[in-house]
Amino acid sequence: MLKLKIKVGCYYAFALRNDHTIAFAVLYGFERGKNKDVLTLRMYTGTGDFEFPIEESTFDRWARERRIREISPEEALEYAM
């Protein structure tokens, strides 16, 4: 099985435990310094959008739990609308 890695500029769908899905985009991340391995997500919900910091280890855990998948920009737009 191919391991899902987080990438800046990509879109993902995150499945919550109550079968609700939230789409998000990875805006930017830091490879060095105090915030190493911290990325900023832009999450899209039915009521708006917001920025959310995440550590790469958290994304990896979500991927191992199969709660996250990469989606196209068109799919992300559908979630946002």
PDB file of N, CA and C in Angstrom:
ATOM      1  N   MET A   1       0.834  -1.183   0.000  1.00  0.00           N
ATOM      2  CA  MET A   1       0.000   0.000   0.000  1.00  0.00           C
ATOM      3  C   MET A   1       0.879   1.248   0.000  1.00  0.00           C
ATOM      4  N   LEU A   2       0.526   2.219  -0.817  1.00  0.00           N
ATOM      5  CA  LEU A   2       1.265   3.464  -0.915  1.00  0.00           C
ATOM      6  C   LEU A   2       0.949   4.347   0.289  1.00  0.00           C
ATOM      7  N   LYS A   3       1.999   4.850   0.934  1.00  0.00           N
ATOM      8  CA  LYS A   3       1.805   5.688   2.118  1.00  0.00           C
ATOM      9  C   LYS A   3       1.433   7.111   1.683  1.00  0.00           C
ATOM     10  N   LEU A   4       0.371   7.647   2.243  1.00  0.00           N
ATOM     11  CA  LEU A   4      -0.092   8.992   1.945  1.00  0.00           C
ATOM     12  C   LEU A   4       0.760   9.992   2.713  1.00  0.00           C
ATOM     13  N   LYS A   5       1.384  10.917   2.002  1.00  0.00           N
ATOM     14  CA  LYS A   5       2.207  11.959   2.622  1.00  0.00           C
ATOM     15  C   LYS A   5       1.535  13.307   2.411  1.00  0.00           C
ATOM     16  N   ILE A   6       1.651  14.178   3.383  1.00  0.00           N
ATOM     17  CA  ILE A   6       1.083  15.521   3.287  1.00  0.00           C
ATOM     18  C   ILE A   6       1.969  16.371   2.378  1.00  0.00           C
ATOM     19  N   LYS A   7       1.336  17.151   1.487  1.00  0.00           N
ATOM     20  CA  LYS A   7       2.060  17.990   0.543  1.00  0.00           C
ATOM     21  C   LYS A   7       1.422  19.380   0.500  1.00  0.00           C
ATOM     22  N   VAL A   8       2.256  20.393   0.526  1.00  0.00           N
ATOM     23  CA  VAL A   8       1.769  21.770   0.409  1.00  0.00           C
ATOM     24  C   VAL A   8       1.133  21.946  -0.960  1.00  0.00           C
ATOM     25  N   GLY A   9      -0.036  22.575  -0.987  1.00  0.00           N
ATOM     26  CA  GLY A   9      -0.750  22.833  -2.227  1.00  0.00           C
ATOM     27  C   GLY A   9      -1.744  21.753  -2.611  1.00  0.00           C
ATOM     28  N   CYS A  10      -1.857  20.694  -1.826  1.00  0.00           N
ATOM     29  CA  CYS A  10      -2.802  19.611  -2.131  1.00  0.00           C
ATOM     30  C   CYS A  10      -4.061  19.746  -1.280  1.00  0.00           C
ATOM     31  N   TYR A  11      -5.114  19.060  -1.725  1.00  0.00           N
ATOM     32  CA  TYR A  11      -6.403  19.053  -1.036  1.00  0.00           C
ATOM     33  C   TYR A  11      -6.670  17.660  -0.489  1.00  0.00           C
ATOM     34  N   TYR A  12      -7.298  17.614   0.688  1.00  0.00           N
ATOM     35  CA  TYR A  12      -7.589  16.341   1.349  1.00  0.00           C
ATOM     36  C   TYR A  12      -8.993  16.375   1.939  1.00  0.00           C
ATOM     37  N   ALA A  13      -9.560  15.197   2.137  1.00  0.00           N
ATOM     38  CA  ALA A  13     -10.835  15.055   2.840  1.00  0.00           C
ATOM     39  C   ALA A  13     -10.563  14.275   4.112  1.00  0.00           C
ATOM     40  N   PHE A  14     -11.033  14.799   5.239  1.00  0.00           N
ATOM     41  CA  PHE A  14     -10.832  14.181   6.542  1.00  0.00           C
ATOM     42  C   PHE A  14     -12.173  13.689   7.055  1.00  0.00           C
ATOM     43  N   ALA A  15     -12.271  12.401   7.352  1.00  0.00           N
ATOM     44  CA  ALA A  15     -13.517  11.806   7.833  1.00  0.00           C
ATOM     45  C   ALA A  15     -13.543  11.840   9.354  1.00  0.00           C
ATOM     46  N   LEU A  16     -14.526  12.541   9.909  1.00  0.00           N
ATOM     47  CA  LEU A  16     -14.713  12.558  11.351  1.00  0.00           C
ATOM     48  C   LEU A  16     -15.391  11.265  11.783  1.00  0.00           C
ATOM     49  N   ARG A  17     -15.426  11.032  13.064  1.00  0.00           N
ATOM     50  CA  ARG A  17     -15.981   9.775  13.584  1.00  0.00           C
ATOM     51  C   ARG A  17     -17.490   9.654  13.377  1.00  0.00           C
ATOM     52  N   ASN A  18     -18.185  10.752  13.171  1.00  0.00           N
ATOM     53  CA  ASN A  18     -19.639  10.696  12.986  1.00  0.00           C
ATOM     54  C   ASN A  18     -20.026  10.703  11.503  1.00  0.00           C
ATOM     55  N   ASP A  19     -19.140  10.215  10.649  1.00  0.00           N
ATOM     56  CA  ASP A  19     -19.361  10.127   9.199  1.00  0.00           C
ATOM     57  C   ASP A  19     -19.511  11.483   8.519  1.00  0.00           C
ATOM     58  N   HIS A  20     -19.055  12.520   9.148  1.00  0.00           N
ATOM     59  CA  HIS A  20     -19.012  13.851   8.542  1.00  0.00           C
ATOM     60  C   HIS A  20     -17.620  14.048   7.957  1.00  0.00           C
ATOM     61  N   THR A  21     -17.526  14.682   6.798  1.00  0.00           N
ATOM     62  CA  THR A  21     -16.240  14.890   6.145  1.00  0.00           C
ATOM     63  C   THR A  21     -15.941  16.374   6.022  1.00  0.00           C
ATOM     64  N   ILE A  22     -14.698  16.748   6.286  1.00  0.00           N
ATOM     65  CA  ILE A  22     -14.235  18.123   6.142  1.00  0.00           C
ATOM     66  C   ILE A  22     -13.121  18.138   5.108  1.00  0.00           C
ATOM     67  N   ALA A  23     -13.218  19.047   4.154  1.00  0.00           N
ATOM     68  CA  ALA A  23     -12.166  19.210   3.155  1.00  0.00           C
ATOM     69  C   ALA A  23     -11.185  20.258   3.648  1.00  0.00           C
ATOM     70  N   PHE A  24      -9.919  20.086   3.276  1.00  0.00           N
ATOM     71  CA  PHE A  24      -8.927  21.100   3.622  1.00  0.00           C
ATOM     72  C   PHE A  24      -7.814  21.142   2.600  1.00  0.00           C
ATOM     73  N   ALA A  25      -7.141  22.272   2.552  1.00  0.00           N
ATOM     74  CA  ALA A  25      -5.969  22.475   1.702  1.00  0.00           C
ATOM     75  C   ALA A  25      -4.771  22.736   2.601  1.00  0.00           C
ATOM     76  N   VAL A  26      -3.611  22.314   2.170  1.00  0.00           N
ATOM     77  CA  VAL A  26      -2.386  22.578   2.920  1.00  0.00           C
ATOM     78  C   VAL A  26      -1.783  23.861   2.344  1.00  0.00           C
ATOM     79  N   LEU A  27      -1.752  24.924   3.162  1.00  0.00           N
ATOM     80  CA  LEU A  27      -1.293  26.219   2.683  1.00  0.00           C
ATOM     81  C   LEU A  27       0.223  26.349   2.684  1.00  0.00           C
ATOM     82  N   TYR A  28       0.838  26.043   3.794  1.00  0.00           N
ATOM     83  CA  TYR A  28       2.291  26.144   3.888  1.00  0.00           C
ATOM     84  C   TYR A  28       2.781  25.374   5.100  1.00  0.00           C
ATOM     85  N   GLY A  29       4.085  25.138   5.134  1.00  0.00           N
ATOM     86  CA  GLY A  29       4.682  24.408   6.240  1.00  0.00           C
ATOM     87  C   GLY A  29       6.110  24.863   6.455  1.00  0.00           C
ATOM     88  N   PHE A  30       6.650  24.497   7.578  1.00  0.00           N
ATOM     89  CA  PHE A  30       8.013  24.871   7.945  1.00  0.00           C
ATOM     90  C   PHE A  30       8.867  23.614   8.048  1.00  0.00           C
ATOM     91  N   GLU A  31      10.043  23.644   7.450  1.00  0.00           N
ATOM     92  CA  GLU A  31      10.947  22.500   7.511  1.00  0.00           C
ATOM     93  C   GLU A  31      12.042  22.690   8.551  1.00  0.00           C
ATOM     94  N   ARG A  32      12.242  23.942   8.988  1.00  0.00           N
ATOM     95  CA  ARG A  32      13.302  24.225   9.959  1.00  0.00           C
ATOM     96  C   ARG A  32      12.795  25.178  11.016  1.00  0.00           C
ATOM     97  N   GLY A  33      13.566  25.312  12.061  1.00  0.00           N
ATOM     98  CA  GLY A  33      13.253  26.292  13.090  1.00  0.00           C
ATOM     99  C   GLY A  33      12.310  25.770  14.153  1.00  0.00           C
ATOM    100  N   LYS A  34      11.787  26.724  14.922  1.00  0.00           N
ATOM    101  CA  LYS A  34      10.932  26.403  16.067  1.00  0.00           C
ATOM    102  C   LYS A  34       9.673  25.629  15.659  1.00  0.00           C
ATOM    103  N   ASN A  35       9.105  25.942  14.506  1.00  0.00           N
ATOM    104  CA  ASN A  35       7.863  25.311  14.050  1.00  0.00           C
ATOM    105  C   ASN A  35       8.112  24.183  13.052  1.00  0.00           C
ATOM    106  N   LYS A  36       9.241  23.495  13.168  1.00  0.00           N
ATOM    107  CA  LYS A  36       9.583  22.414  12.239  1.00  0.00           C
ATOM    108  C   LYS A  36       8.470  21.366  12.214  1.00  0.00           C
ATOM    109  N   ASP A  37       8.130  20.931  11.027  1.00  0.00           N
ATOM    110  CA  ASP A  37       7.106  19.901  10.802  1.00  0.00           C
ATOM    111  C   ASP A  37       5.700  20.347  11.192  1.00  0.00           C
ATOM    112  N   VAL A  38       5.451  21.664  11.279  1.00  0.00           N
ATOM    113  CA  VAL A  38       4.106  22.184  11.515  1.00  0.00           C
ATOM    114  C   VAL A  38       3.600  22.760  10.195  1.00  0.00           C
ATOM    115  N   LEU A  39       2.404  22.375   9.810  1.00  0.00           N
ATOM    116  CA  LEU A  39       1.806  22.864   8.582  1.00  0.00           C
ATOM    117  C   LEU A  39       0.518  23.605   8.897  1.00  0.00           C
ATOM    118  N   THR A  40       0.108  24.484   8.004  1.00  0.00           N
ATOM    119  CA  THR A  40      -1.137  25.219   8.185  1.00  0.00           C
ATOM    120  C   THR A  40      -2.153  24.726   7.172  1.00  0.00           C
ATOM    121  N   LEU A  41      -3.306  24.329   7.669  1.00  0.00           N
ATOM    122  CA  LEU A  41      -4.392  23.867   6.823  1.00  0.00           C
ATOM    123  C   LEU A  41      -5.460  24.944   6.723  1.00  0.00           C
ATOM    124  N   ARG A  42      -6.110  25.013   5.598  1.00  0.00           N
ATOM    125  CA  ARG A  42      -7.308  25.832   5.442  1.00  0.00           C
ATOM    126  C   ARG A  42      -8.455  24.838   5.353  1.00  0.00           C
ATOM    127  N   MET A  43      -9.280  24.779   6.403  1.00  0.00           N
ATOM    128  CA  MET A  43     -10.376  23.824   6.461  1.00  0.00           C
ATOM    129  C   MET A  43     -11.661  24.493   5.985  1.00  0.00           C
ATOM    130  N   TYR A  44     -12.446  23.755   5.199  1.00  0.00           N
ATOM    131  CA  TYR A  44     -13.694  24.260   4.628  1.00  0.00           C
ATOM    132  C   TYR A  44     -14.868  23.515   5.245  1.00  0.00           C
ATOM    133  N   THR A  45     -15.793  24.271   5.825  1.00  0.00           N
ATOM    134  CA  THR A  45     -16.992  23.676   6.415  1.00  0.00           C
ATOM    135  C   THR A  45     -18.219  24.328   5.794  1.00  0.00           C
ATOM    136  N   GLY A  46     -19.376  23.848   6.144  1.00  0.00           N
ATOM    137  CA  GLY A  46     -20.615  24.405   5.614  1.00  0.00           C
ATOM    138  C   GLY A  46     -20.883  25.823   6.079  1.00  0.00           C
ATOM    139  N   THR A  47     -20.236  26.253   7.157  1.00  0.00           N
ATOM    140  CA  THR A  47     -20.479  27.596   7.690  1.00  0.00           C
ATOM    141  C   THR A  47     -19.325  28.559   7.446  1.00  0.00           C
ATOM    142  N   GLY A  48     -18.250  28.103   6.832  1.00  0.00           N
ATOM    143  CA  GLY A  48     -17.121  28.984   6.558  1.00  0.00           C
ATOM    144  C   GLY A  48     -15.826  28.209   6.475  1.00  0.00           C
ATOM    145  N   ASP A  49     -14.738  28.931   6.587  1.00  0.00           N
ATOM    146  CA  ASP A  49     -13.438  28.286   6.544  1.00  0.00           C
ATOM    147  C   ASP A  49     -12.519  28.925   7.572  1.00  0.00           C
ATOM    148  N   PHE A  50     -11.511  28.190   7.994  1.00  0.00           N
ATOM    149  CA  PHE A  50     -10.582  28.703   8.988  1.00  0.00           C
ATOM    150  C   PHE A  50      -9.236  28.014   8.841  1.00  0.00           C
ATOM    151  N   GLU A  51      -8.194  28.661   9.361  1.00  0.00           N
ATOM    152  CA  GLU A  51      -6.861  28.076   9.346  1.00  0.00           C
ATOM    153  C   GLU A  51      -6.642  27.259  10.605  1.00  0.00           C
ATOM    154  N   PHE A  52      -5.889  26.184  10.450  1.00  0.00           N
ATOM    155  CA  PHE A  52      -5.696  25.239  11.534  1.00  0.00           C
ATOM    156  C   PHE A  52      -4.273  24.691  11.446  1.00  0.00           C
ATOM    157  N   PRO A  53      -3.457  24.846  12.497  1.00  0.00           N
ATOM    158  CA  PRO A  53      -2.097  24.282  12.457  1.00  0.00           C
ATOM    159  C   PRO A  53      -2.136  22.782  12.751  1.00  0.00           C
ATOM    160  N   ILE A  54      -1.239  22.043  12.124  1.00  0.00           N
ATOM    161  CA  ILE A  54      -1.178  20.596  12.337  1.00  0.00           C
ATOM    162  C   ILE A  54       0.273  20.140  12.240  1.00  0.00           C
ATOM    163  N   GLU A  55       0.631  19.178  13.065  1.00  0.00           N
ATOM    164  CA  GLU A  55       1.960  18.584  12.975  1.00  0.00           C
ATOM    165  C   GLU A  55       1.906  17.436  11.975  1.00  0.00           C
ATOM    166  N   GLU A  56       3.010  17.221  11.276  1.00  0.00           N
ATOM    167  CA  GLU A  56       3.051  16.152  10.287  1.00  0.00           C
ATOM    168  C   GLU A  56       2.752  14.786  10.925  1.00  0.00           C
ATOM    169  N   SER A  57       3.144  14.598  12.167  1.00  0.00           N
ATOM    170  CA  SER A  57       2.885  13.321  12.852  1.00  0.00           C
ATOM    171  C   SER A  57       1.379  13.081  13.025  1.00  0.00           C
ATOM    172  N   THR A  58       0.602  14.135  13.240  1.00  0.00           N
ATOM    173  CA  THR A  58      -0.853  13.988  13.357  1.00  0.00           C
ATOM    174  C   THR A  58      -1.454  13.571  12.023  1.00  0.00           C
ATOM    175  N   PHE A  59      -0.997  14.215  10.940  1.00  0.00           N
ATOM    176  CA  PHE A  59      -1.472  13.832   9.609  1.00  0.00           C
ATOM    177  C   PHE A  59      -1.139  12.366   9.333  1.00  0.00           C
ATOM    178  N   ASP A  60       0.081  11.944   9.677  1.00  0.00           N
ATOM    179  CA  ASP A  60       0.490  10.551   9.462  1.00  0.00           C
ATOM    180  C   ASP A  60      -0.401   9.590  10.245  1.00  0.00           C
ATOM    181  N   ARG A  61      -0.779   9.962  11.470  1.00  0.00           N
ATOM    182  CA  ARG A  61      -1.672   9.110  12.275  1.00  0.00           C
ATOM    183  C   ARG A  61      -3.037   8.998  11.610  1.00  0.00           C
ATOM    184  N   TRP A  62      -3.568  10.127  11.132  1.00  0.00           N
ATOM    185  CA  TRP A  62      -4.854  10.106  10.438  1.00  0.00           C
ATOM    186  C   TRP A  62      -4.778   9.223   9.192  1.00  0.00           C
ATOM    187  N   ALA A  63      -3.665   9.295   8.464  1.00  0.00           N
ATOM    188  CA  ALA A  63      -3.488   8.472   7.266  1.00  0.00           C
ATOM    189  C   ALA A  63      -3.443   6.987   7.633  1.00  0.00           C
ATOM    190  N   ARG A  64      -2.747   6.640   8.714  1.00  0.00           N
ATOM    191  CA  ARG A  64      -2.694   5.242   9.171  1.00  0.00           C
ATOM    192  C   ARG A  64      -4.085   4.731   9.555  1.00  0.00           C
ATOM    193  N   GLU A  65      -4.896   5.602  10.142  1.00  0.00           N
ATOM    194  CA  GLU A  65      -6.262   5.246  10.536  1.00  0.00           C
ATOM    195  C   GLU A  65      -7.221   5.245   9.344  1.00  0.00           C
ATOM    196  N   ARG A  66      -6.717   5.592   8.157  1.00  0.00           N
ATOM    197  CA  ARG A  66      -7.511   5.668   6.918  1.00  0.00           C
ATOM    198  C   ARG A  66      -8.670   6.651   7.038  1.00  0.00           C
ATOM    199  N   ARG A  67      -8.427   7.748   7.736  1.00  0.00           N
ATOM    200  CA  ARG A  67      -9.447   8.786   7.908  1.00  0.00           C
ATOM    201  C   ARG A  67      -9.242   9.936   6.939  1.00  0.00           C
ATOM    202  N   ILE A  68      -8.209   9.854   6.096  1.00  0.00           N
ATOM    203  CA  ILE A  68      -7.870  10.964   5.229  1.00  0.00           C
ATOM    204  C   ILE A  68      -7.571  10.445   3.830  1.00  0.00           C
ATOM    205  N   ARG A  69      -7.964  11.226   2.822  1.00  0.00           N
ATOM    206  CA  ARG A  69      -7.652  10.871   1.440  1.00  0.00           C
ATOM    207  C   ARG A  69      -7.412  12.142   0.639  1.00  0.00           C
ATOM    208  N   GLU A  70      -6.595  12.041  -0.385  1.00  0.00           N
ATOM    209  CA  GLU A  70      -6.335  13.194  -1.244  1.00  0.00           C
ATOM    210  C   GLU A  70      -7.505  13.356  -2.203  1.00  0.00           C
ATOM    211  N   ILE A  71      -7.914  14.609  -2.418  1.00  0.00           N
ATOM    212  CA  ILE A  71      -9.032  14.891  -3.318  1.00  0.00           C
ATOM    213  C   ILE A  71      -8.599  15.936  -4.341  1.00  0.00           C
ATOM    214  N   SER A  72      -9.398  16.092  -5.371  1.00  0.00           N
ATOM    215  CA  SER A  72      -9.120  17.084  -6.419  1.00  0.00           C
ATOM    216  C   SER A  72      -9.598  18.465  -5.964  1.00  0.00           C
ATOM    217  N   PRO A  73      -9.104  19.526  -6.609  1.00  0.00           N
ATOM    218  CA  PRO A  73      -9.606  20.869  -6.278  1.00  0.00           C
ATOM    219  C   PRO A  73     -11.121  20.999  -6.493  1.00  0.00           C
ATOM    220  N   GLU A  74     -11.648  20.302  -7.485  1.00  0.00           N
ATOM    221  CA  GLU A  74     -13.086  20.351  -7.750  1.00  0.00           C
ATOM    222  C   GLU A  74     -13.879  19.751  -6.573  1.00  0.00           C
ATOM    223  N   GLU A  75     -13.390  18.641  -6.048  1.00  0.00           N
ATOM    224  CA  GLU A  75     -14.067  18.021  -4.895  1.00  0.00           C
ATOM    225  C   GLU A  75     -14.013  18.956  -3.678  1.00  0.00           C
ATOM    226  N   ALA A  76     -12.883  19.619  -3.478  1.00  0.00           N
ATOM    227  CA  ALA A  76     -12.755  20.555  -2.351  1.00  0.00           C
ATOM    228  C   ALA A  76     -13.755  21.697  -2.492  1.00  0.00           C
ATOM    229  N   LEU A  77     -13.936  22.176  -3.716  1.00  0.00           N
ATOM    230  CA  LEU A  77     -14.912  23.233  -3.961  1.00  0.00           C
ATOM    231  C   LEU A  77     -16.326  22.768  -3.629  1.00  0.00           C
ATOM    232  N   GLU A  78     -16.655  21.527  -3.979  1.00  0.00           N
ATOM    233  CA  GLU A  78     -17.974  20.984  -3.660  1.00  0.00           C
ATOM    234  C   GLU A  78     -18.210  20.943  -2.151  1.00  0.00           C
ATOM    235  N   TYR A  79     -17.188  20.543  -1.371  1.00  0.00           N
ATOM    236  CA  TYR A  79     -17.325  20.518   0.093  1.00  0.00           C
ATOM    237  C   TYR A  79     -17.525  21.936   0.621  1.00  0.00           C
ATOM    238  N   ALA A  80     -16.823  22.899   0.043  1.00  0.00           N
ATOM    239  CA  ALA A  80     -16.908  24.279   0.534  1.00  0.00           C
ATOM    240  C   ALA A  80     -18.260  24.912   0.221  1.00  0.00           C
ATOM    241  N   MET A  81     -18.902  24.467  -0.846  1.00  0.00           N
ATOM    242  CA  MET A  81     -20.178  25.051  -1.241  1.00  0.00           C
ATOM    243  C   MET A  81     -21.289  24.331  -0.529  1.00  0.00           C
TER     244      MET A  81
END
